C-alpha atoms as a PDB file:
ATOM      1  CA  UNK A   1       0.000   0.000   0.000  1.00  0.00           C
ATOM      2  CA  UNK A   2       1.219   3.506  -0.795  1.00  0.00           C
ATOM      3  CA  UNK A   3       1.323   5.915   2.147  1.00  0.00           C
ATOM      4  CA  UNK A   4       1.998   9.631   1.941  1.00  0.00           C
ATOM      5  CA  UNK A   5       2.603  12.034   4.817  1.00  0.00           C
ATOM      6  CA  UNK A   6       2.597  15.774   4.227  1.00  0.00           C
ATOM      7  CA  UNK A   7       4.108  17.629   7.195  1.00  0.00           C
ATOM      8  CA  UNK A   8       4.226  21.418   7.004  1.00  0.00           C
ATOM      9  CA  UNK A   9       4.246  24.616   8.982  1.00  0.00           C
ATOM     10  CA  UNK A  10       0.636  25.768   9.293  1.00  0.00           C
ATOM     11  CA  UNK A  11      -2.196  24.440   7.156  1.00  0.00           C
ATOM     12  CA  UNK A  12      -0.283  23.969   3.899  1.00  0.00           C
ATOM     13  CA  UNK A  13      -0.542  20.183   4.344  1.00  0.00           C
ATOM     14  CA  UNK A  14      -4.346  20.310   4.520  1.00  0.00           C
ATOM     15  CA  UNK A  15      -4.458  22.556   1.465  1.00  0.00           C
ATOM     16  CA  UNK A  16      -2.320  20.174  -0.575  1.00  0.00           C
ATOM     17  CA  UNK A  17      -4.474  17.231   0.493  1.00  0.00           C
ATOM     18  CA  UNK A  18      -7.585  19.169  -0.525  1.00  0.00           C
ATOM     19  CA  UNK A  19      -6.067  19.791  -3.960  1.00  0.00           C
ATOM     20  CA  UNK A  20      -5.148  16.108  -4.324  1.00  0.00           C
ATOM     21  CA  UNK A  21      -8.744  15.229  -3.454  1.00  0.00           C
ATOM     22  CA  UNK A  22     -10.235  17.665  -5.964  1.00  0.00           C
ATOM     23  CA  UNK A  23      -7.871  16.690  -8.772  1.00  0.00           C
ATOM     24  CA  UNK A  24      -7.667  12.925  -8.258  1.00  0.00           C
ATOM     25  CA  UNK A  25     -10.101  11.688  -5.614  1.00  0.00           C
ATOM     26  CA  UNK A  26      -7.187   9.656  -4.221  1.00  0.00           C
ATOM     27  CA  UNK A  27      -6.653  11.432  -0.923  1.00  0.00           C
ATOM     28  CA  UNK A  28      -7.193   8.331   1.240  1.00  0.00           C
ATOM     29  CA  UNK A  29      -3.472   7.497   1.133  1.00  0.00           C
ATOM     30  CA  UNK A  30      -2.524  11.004   2.332  1.00  0.00           C
ATOM     31  CA  UNK A  31      -1.993  11.873   5.997  1.00  0.00           C
ATOM     32  CA  UNK A  32      -1.399  15.483   7.070  1.00  0.00           C
ATOM     33  CA  UNK A  33       0.458  17.122   9.911  1.00  0.00           C
ATOM     34  CA  UNK A  34      -0.200  20.844  10.262  1.00  0.00           C
ATOM     35  CA  UNK A  35       2.601  21.850  12.619  1.00  0.00           C
ATOM     36  CA  UNK A  36       2.489  24.853  14.943  1.00  0.00           C
ATOM     37  CA  UNK A  37      -1.204  25.608  14.484  1.00  0.00           C
ATOM     38  CA  UNK A  38      -1.741  24.942  18.193  1.00  0.00           C
ATOM     39  CA  UNK A  39       0.286  23.980  21.261  1.00  0.00           C
ATOM     40  CA  UNK A  40       0.218  20.246  20.477  1.00  0.00           C
ATOM     41  CA  UNK A  41       3.534  18.502  19.820  1.00  0.00           C
ATOM     42  CA  UNK A  42       3.352  16.747  16.457  1.00  0.00           C
ATOM     43  CA  UNK A  43       6.407  14.505  17.079  1.00  0.00           C
ATOM     44  CA  UNK A  44       4.187  11.613  18.129  1.00  0.00           C
ATOM     45  CA  UNK A  45       2.198  11.866  14.904  1.00  0.00           C
ATOM     46  CA  UNK A  46       5.411  11.708  12.874  1.00  0.00           C
ATOM     47  CA  UNK A  47       6.610   8.672  14.802  1.00  0.00           C
ATOM     48  CA  UNK A  48       3.220   6.956  14.466  1.00  0.00           C
ATOM     49  CA  UNK A  49       3.249   7.402  10.690  1.00  0.00           C
ATOM     50  CA  UNK A  50       6.766   5.987  10.412  1.00  0.00           C
ATOM     51  CA  UNK A  51       5.970   3.076  12.734  1.00  0.00           C
ATOM     52  CA  UNK A  52       2.814   2.362  10.725  1.00  0.00           C
ATOM     53  CA  UNK A  53       4.757   1.735   7.532  1.00  0.00           C
ATOM     54  CA  UNK A  54       5.160  -1.982   7.025  1.00  0.00           C
ATOM     55  CA  UNK A  55       7.645  -3.867   4.842  1.00  0.00           C
ATOM     56  CA  UNK A  56       5.020  -4.252   2.099  1.00  0.00           C
ATOM     57  CA  UNK A  57       4.244  -0.513   2.041  1.00  0.00           C
ATOM     58  CA  UNK A  58       5.704   2.253  -0.102  1.00  0.00           C
ATOM     59  CA  UNK A  59       5.921   5.540   1.758  1.00  0.00           C
ATOM     60  CA  UNK A  60       6.940   9.129   1.159  1.00  0.00           C
ATOM     61  CA  UNK A  61       7.109  12.011   3.614  1.00  0.00           C
ATOM     62  CA  UNK A  62       6.882  15.524   2.182  1.00  0.00           C
ATOM     63  CA  UNK A  63       8.123  18.506   4.219  1.00  0.00           C
ATOM     64  CA  UNK A  64       7.806  22.125   3.220  1.00  0.00           C
ATOM     65  CA  UNK A  65      11.221  23.662   3.940  1.00  0.00           C
ATOM     66  CA  UNK A  66      14.638  22.022   3.704  1.00  0.00           C
ATOM     67  CA  UNK A  67      16.326  22.427   7.078  1.00  0.00           C
ATOM     68  CA  UNK A  68      13.161  23.824   8.668  1.00  0.00           C
ATOM     69  CA  UNK A  69      12.012  22.583  12.056  1.00  0.00           C
ATOM     70  CA  UNK A  70       9.463  20.143  10.593  1.00  0.00           C
ATOM     71  CA  UNK A  71      12.063  18.710   8.213  1.00  0.00           C
ATOM     72  CA  UNK A  72      14.585  18.422  11.060  1.00  0.00           C
ATOM     73  CA  UNK A  73      12.125  16.455  13.211  1.00  0.00           C
ATOM     74  CA  UNK A  74      11.325  14.100  10.338  1.00  0.00           C
ATOM     75  CA  UNK A  75      14.997  13.476   9.544  1.00  0.00           C
ATOM     76  CA  UNK A  76      15.811  12.893  13.225  1.00  0.00           C
ATOM     77  CA  UNK A  77      13.395   9.926  13.233  1.00  0.00           C
ATOM     78  CA  UNK A  78      15.438   8.225  10.461  1.00  0.00           C
ATOM     79  CA  UNK A  79      12.542   7.233   8.184  1.00  0.00           C
ATOM     80  CA  UNK A  80      15.004   6.044   5.538  1.00  0.00           C
ATOM     81  CA  UNK A  81      15.777   3.073   7.808  1.00  0.00           C
ATOM     82  CA  UNK A  82      12.261   1.831   6.999  1.00  0.00           C
ATOM     83  CA  UNK A  83      12.629   2.569   3.296  1.00  0.00           C
ATOM     84  CA  UNK A  84      10.596   5.786   3.532  1.00  0.00           C
ATOM     85  CA  UNK A  85      11.531   8.529   1.088  1.00  0.00           C
ATOM     86  CA  UNK A  86      11.700  12.135   2.327  1.00  0.00           C
ATOM     87  CA  UNK A  87      11.084  14.936  -0.174  1.00  0.00           C
ATOM     88  CA  UNK A  88      11.459  18.512   1.017  1.00  0.00           C
ATOM     89  CA  UNK A  89      10.603  21.828  -0.607  1.00  0.00           C
ATOM     90  CA  UNK A  90       7.831  20.038  -2.486  1.00  0.00           C
ATOM     91  CA  UNK A  91       5.070  21.327  -4.718  1.00  0.00           C
ATOM     92  CA  UNK A  92       1.647  19.941  -5.648  1.00  0.00           C
ATOM     93  CA  UNK A  93       3.105  18.381  -8.783  1.00  0.00           C
ATOM     94  CA  UNK A  94       5.451  16.215  -6.678  1.00  0.00           C
ATOM     95  CA  UNK A  95       2.632  14.984  -4.448  1.00  0.00           C
ATOM     96  CA  UNK A  96       0.471  14.205  -7.476  1.00  0.00           C
ATOM     97  CA  UNK A  97       3.396  12.372  -9.046  1.00  0.00           C
ATOM     98  CA  UNK A  98       3.699  10.089  -6.034  1.00  0.00           C
ATOM     99  CA  UNK A  99      -0.037   9.588  -5.559  1.00  0.00           C
ATOM    100  CA  UNK A 100      -0.735   8.869  -9.236  1.00  0.00           C
ATOM    101  CA  UNK A 101       2.365   6.856 -10.132  1.00  0.00           C
ATOM    102  CA  UNK A 102       1.587   3.254 -10.995  1.00  0.00           C
ATOM    103  CA  UNK A 103       5.206   2.145 -10.901  1.00  0.00           C
ATOM    104  CA  UNK A 104       7.066   1.027  -7.784  1.00  0.00           C
ATOM    105  CA  UNK A 105       8.603   3.826  -5.740  1.00  0.00           C
ATOM    106  CA  UNK A 106      12.247   3.041  -6.315  1.00  0.00           C
ATOM    107  CA  UNK A 107      14.968   5.625  -5.716  1.00  0.00           C
ATOM    108  CA  UNK A 108      15.114   6.197  -9.490  1.00  0.00           C
ATOM    109  CA  UNK A 109      11.334   6.620  -9.768  1.00  0.00           C
ATOM    110  CA  UNK A 110      11.246   9.082  -6.866  1.00  0.00           C
ATOM    111  CA  UNK A 111      14.148  11.048  -8.341  1.00  0.00           C
ATOM    112  CA  UNK A 112      12.267  11.231 -11.645  1.00  0.00           C
ATOM    113  CA  UNK A 113       9.163  12.582  -9.865  1.00  0.00           C
ATOM    114  CA  UNK A 114      11.281  15.183  -8.027  1.00  0.00           C
ATOM    115  CA  UNK A 115      13.019  16.256 -11.234  1.00  0.00           C
ATOM    116  CA  UNK A 116       9.751  16.519 -13.170  1.00  0.00           C
ATOM    117  CA  UNK A 117       8.056  18.516 -10.421  1.00  0.00           C
ATOM    118  CA  UNK A 118      11.033  20.870 -10.109  1.00  0.00           C
ATOM    119  CA  UNK A 119      10.608  21.730 -13.786  1.00  0.00           C
ATOM    120  CA  UNK A 120       7.075  22.911 -12.967  1.00  0.00           C
ATOM    121  CA  UNK A 121       8.454  25.763 -10.847  1.00  0.00           C
ATOM    122  CA  UNK A 122       9.091  28.708 -13.127  1.00  0.00           C
ATOM    123  CA  UNK A 123       8.427  32.366 -13.651  1.00  0.00           C
ATOM    124  CA  UNK A 124       5.843  32.827 -16.330  1.00  0.00           C
ATOM    125  CA  UNK A 125       6.885  34.972 -19.283  1.00  0.00           C
ATOM    126  CA  UNK A 126       6.299  38.632 -18.635  1.00  0.00           C
ATOM    127  CA  UNK A 127       3.876  40.442 -20.875  1.00  0.00           C
ATOM    128  CA  UNK A 128       5.428  42.879 -23.264  1.00  0.00           C
ATOM    129  CA  UNK A 129       4.262  46.424 -22.758  1.00  0.00           C
ATOM    130  CA  UNK A 130       1.866  47.316 -25.532  1.00  0.00           C
ATOM    131  CA  UNK A 131       2.536  50.870 -26.719  1.00  0.00           C
ATOM    132  CA  UNK A 132      -0.438  53.219 -26.567  1.00  0.00           C
ATOM    133  CA  UNK A 133      -2.184  54.211 -29.808  1.00  0.00           C
ATOM    134  CA  UNK A 134      -0.359  56.965 -31.801  1.00  0.00           C
ATOM    135  CA  UNK A 135      -2.653  59.784 -30.626  1.00  0.00           C
ATOM    136  CA  UNK A 136      -1.949  58.880 -26.977  1.00  0.00           C
ATOM    137  CA  UNK A 137       1.808  58.654 -27.668  1.00  0.00           C
ATOM    138  CA  UNK A 138       1.858  62.313 -28.687  1.00  0.00           C
ATOM    139  CA  UNK A 139      -0.031  63.232 -25.502  1.00  0.00           C
ATOM    140  CA  UNK A 140       2.379  61.181 -23.332  1.00  0.00           C
ATOM    141  CA  UNK A 141       5.363  62.859 -24.994  1.00  0.00           C
ATOM    142  CA  UNK A 142       3.863  66.308 -24.382  1.00  0.00           C
ATOM    143  CA  UNK A 143       3.506  65.662 -20.616  1.00  0.00           C
ATOM    144  CA  UNK A 144       6.859  63.891 -20.214  1.00  0.00           C
END
């Protein structure tokens, strides 16, 4: 079974899960941890997710910021020892890639998902400024 944990600062995790639900209807494999939204310590939830991954499962943990406090807590629990992949600085495309992939989550497959999702992050081309009609150009030049 494929298991996905999204652990973020604030409610970003819930928002990503909502988007996965709307776009795919496959949110049942996604667990969320919204860190620092209240006084509750989320460390136990992280540990429970990791402990709940069995040898037959494929699992990925997404964290929002490389080196951030959530990422540090995840890494300190050594999920890789259970074969769990950790992806940090993720975007929706990466989560969708994991949720929708029909191939086994091998290191090569996960790297391919990360690479493909990284290509989705870009600045859109800027619009070229359209010059005003000729009669307005003369007026602009007069007041310049």
